[in-house]
């Protein structure tokens, strides 16, 4: 339980830094996701879910830029749990389908919310497909990077905690 509280606090700090510092916002959110990975490794999927929910709620209270919390909640926060779930499938292809499918659903929700709240991008016919292509490519790179961080964490850090 204590490790999940520490990971939650670290996630909230990363979200706060992403909201107040002018650059590297997605980088801070990526680091926040790594703390969720540690929670899943140390406490299982239930620990990862707890860190995600607690940090999302605390982020709404503490973090000044709510769009950062929204990005965390829609993309980065649940990702460690999703990755763990998807990669437990027997087929790696099915795992990728699950991860990319959920990410594209989240992106669709974000685009719909943006168009509803701000303005329509329907006049920019190339914008939506280009956005999906770029976000999917970045997501694949992010997933590969997180896999490397997981390997590093398990071989170097996990042994010292248990």
Protein backbone atom coordinates (compact mmCIF):
# COMPACT_ATOMS: atom_id res chain seq x y z
CA UNK A 1 0.00 0.00 0.00
CA UNK A 2 2.81 2.42 0.87
CA UNK A 3 4.51 1.95 -2.49
CA UNK A 4 1.25 2.84 -4.25
CA UNK A 5 0.96 6.02 -2.20
CA UNK A 6 4.51 6.99 -3.14
CA UNK A 7 3.84 6.25 -6.80
CA UNK A 8 0.62 8.29 -6.67
CA UNK A 9 2.48 11.24 -5.17
CA UNK A 10 5.18 10.97 -7.84
CA UNK A 11 2.54 10.93 -10.60
CA UNK A 12 0.87 14.04 -9.19
CA UNK A 13 4.25 15.81 -9.00
CA UNK A 14 4.91 14.95 -12.66
CA UNK A 15 1.48 16.24 -13.67
CA UNK A 16 2.06 19.42 -11.68
CA UNK A 17 5.46 19.95 -13.35
CA UNK A 18 3.87 19.34 -16.75
CA UNK A 19 1.32 22.04 -16.00
CA UNK A 20 3.69 24.75 -14.74
CA UNK A 21 6.82 24.27 -16.85
CA UNK A 22 6.71 25.62 -20.42
CA UNK A 23 8.29 22.65 -22.22
CA UNK A 24 8.36 18.87 -22.01
CA UNK A 25 4.74 18.40 -21.00
CA UNK A 26 4.31 15.07 -22.76
CA UNK A 27 7.67 13.97 -21.40
CA UNK A 28 6.53 14.57 -17.83
CA UNK A 29 3.34 12.64 -18.52
CA UNK A 30 5.41 9.79 -19.96
CA UNK A 31 7.48 9.72 -16.77
CA UNK A 32 4.24 9.77 -14.76
CA UNK A 33 3.19 6.66 -16.66
CA UNK A 34 6.41 4.92 -15.60
CA UNK A 35 5.41 5.33 -11.96
CA UNK A 36 2.20 3.50 -12.85
CA UNK A 37 4.34 0.74 -14.36
CA UNK A 38 6.21 0.41 -11.05
CA UNK A 39 2.88 0.16 -9.22
CA UNK A 40 1.72 -2.65 -11.53
CA UNK A 41 5.01 -4.53 -11.09
CA UNK A 42 5.05 -4.15 -7.31
CA UNK A 43 1.33 -4.48 -6.51
CA UNK A 44 -0.30 -6.03 -9.56
CA UNK A 45 -3.05 -4.67 -11.75
CA UNK A 46 -5.13 -3.63 -8.74
CA UNK A 47 -2.24 -1.47 -7.50
CA UNK A 48 -1.91 0.11 -10.93
CA UNK A 49 -5.62 0.87 -11.02
CA UNK A 50 -5.43 2.38 -7.54
CA UNK A 51 -2.52 4.64 -8.54
CA UNK A 52 -4.35 5.68 -11.72
CA UNK A 53 -7.60 6.56 -9.96
CA UNK A 54 -5.99 8.27 -6.96
CA UNK A 55 -3.57 10.31 -9.06
CA UNK A 56 -6.32 11.33 -11.49
CA UNK A 57 -8.54 12.54 -8.65
CA UNK A 58 -5.70 14.28 -6.82
CA UNK A 59 -4.60 15.81 -10.12
CA UNK A 60 -8.03 17.37 -10.57
CA UNK A 61 -7.69 18.97 -7.15
CA UNK A 62 -4.01 19.99 -7.19
CA UNK A 63 -2.86 20.46 -10.79
CA UNK A 64 -3.67 23.93 -12.16
CA UNK A 65 -3.83 22.91 -15.84
CA UNK A 66 -6.77 20.51 -16.08
CA UNK A 67 -5.90 19.62 -19.69
CA UNK A 68 -2.76 17.92 -18.34
CA UNK A 69 -4.91 15.80 -16.02
CA UNK A 70 -7.20 15.03 -18.97
CA UNK A 71 -4.25 13.85 -21.08
CA UNK A 72 -3.04 11.74 -18.17
CA UNK A 73 -6.49 10.27 -17.60
CA UNK A 74 -7.16 9.56 -21.30
CA UNK A 75 -3.74 8.27 -22.35
CA UNK A 76 -0.93 7.91 -19.87
CA UNK A 77 -2.57 6.97 -16.58
CA UNK A 78 -4.28 3.68 -17.39
CA UNK A 79 -1.63 2.65 -19.90
CA UNK A 80 0.47 0.51 -17.49
CA UNK A 81 -2.61 -1.52 -16.58
CA UNK A 82 -3.63 -1.81 -20.23
CA UNK A 83 -0.12 -2.85 -21.25
CA UNK A 84 0.01 -5.51 -18.56
CA UNK A 85 -3.41 -6.84 -19.54
CA UNK A 86 -2.72 -6.78 -23.30
CA UNK A 87 0.69 -8.40 -23.08
CA UNK A 88 -0.66 -11.33 -21.06
CA UNK A 89 -2.54 -12.47 -24.19
CA UNK A 90 -1.04 -15.48 -25.93
CA UNK A 91 -0.80 -13.66 -29.23
CA UNK A 92 1.43 -10.56 -29.46
CA UNK A 93 -0.72 -9.43 -32.40
CA UNK A 94 -3.81 -9.50 -30.19
CA UNK A 95 -1.90 -7.51 -27.56
CA UNK A 96 -1.07 -4.81 -30.11
CA UNK A 97 -4.66 -4.77 -31.37
CA UNK A 98 -5.91 -4.20 -27.83
CA UNK A 99 -3.37 -1.45 -27.06
CA UNK A 100 -3.81 0.39 -30.36
CA UNK A 101 -7.58 -0.03 -30.27
CA UNK A 102 -7.92 1.48 -26.80
CA UNK A 103 -5.51 4.30 -27.66
CA UNK A 104 -7.45 5.14 -30.83
CA UNK A 105 -10.73 5.15 -28.91
CA UNK A 106 -9.19 7.57 -26.40
CA UNK A 107 -7.88 9.75 -29.23
CA UNK A 108 -11.33 9.79 -30.84
CA UNK A 109 -12.87 10.91 -27.55
CA UNK A 110 -10.26 13.65 -27.21
CA UNK A 111 -10.82 14.89 -30.77
CA UNK A 112 -14.60 14.83 -30.30
CA UNK A 113 -14.29 16.77 -27.03
CA UNK A 114 -11.97 19.29 -28.69
CA UNK A 115 -14.33 19.82 -31.62
CA UNK A 116 -17.33 20.10 -29.31
CA UNK A 117 -15.73 22.54 -26.88
CA UNK A 118 -13.57 24.66 -29.16
CA UNK A 119 -13.96 24.49 -32.93
CA UNK A 120 -14.47 22.03 -35.74
CA UNK A 121 -11.53 20.88 -37.80
CA UNK A 122 -13.78 19.52 -40.54
CA UNK A 123 -12.42 22.09 -43.01
CA UNK A 124 -8.97 20.59 -42.55
CA UNK A 125 -9.51 17.27 -44.31
CA UNK A 126 -5.91 16.17 -43.81
CA UNK A 127 -5.73 17.05 -40.09
CA UNK A 128 -7.64 14.13 -38.60
CA UNK A 129 -5.96 11.30 -40.58
CA UNK A 130 -2.55 12.92 -40.06
CA UNK A 131 -3.23 13.20 -36.34
CA UNK A 132 -4.14 9.52 -36.12
CA UNK A 133 -1.06 8.49 -38.11
CA UNK A 134 1.33 10.58 -36.00
CA UNK A 135 -0.21 9.61 -32.67
CA UNK A 136 -0.16 5.91 -33.59
CA UNK A 137 3.50 6.09 -34.61
CA UNK A 138 4.43 7.93 -31.41
CA UNK A 139 2.38 5.47 -29.37
CA UNK A 140 4.26 2.50 -30.84
CA UNK A 141 7.59 4.15 -30.00
CA UNK A 142 6.31 4.96 -26.51
CA UNK A 143 5.24 1.35 -25.98
CA UNK A 144 8.64 0.06 -27.06
CA UNK A 145 10.32 2.56 -24.72
CA UNK A 146 8.10 1.54 -21.81
CA UNK A 147 9.02 -2.10 -22.46
CA UNK A 148 12.67 -1.13 -22.09
CA UNK A 149 11.94 0.74 -18.86
CA UNK A 150 10.07 -2.32 -17.54
CA UNK A 151 13.06 -4.56 -18.29
CA UNK A 152 15.40 -2.11 -16.58
CA UNK A 153 13.08 -1.78 -13.58
CA UNK A 154 12.72 -5.54 -13.13
CA UNK A 155 16.45 -6.27 -13.44
CA UNK A 156 17.83 -3.30 -11.48
CA UNK A 157 15.21 -1.89 -9.11
CA UNK A 158 12.59 -4.56 -8.36
CA UNK A 159 15.13 -6.86 -6.70
CA UNK A 160 16.10 -4.14 -4.24
CA UNK A 161 12.51 -3.41 -3.24
CA UNK A 162 11.41 -6.98 -2.50
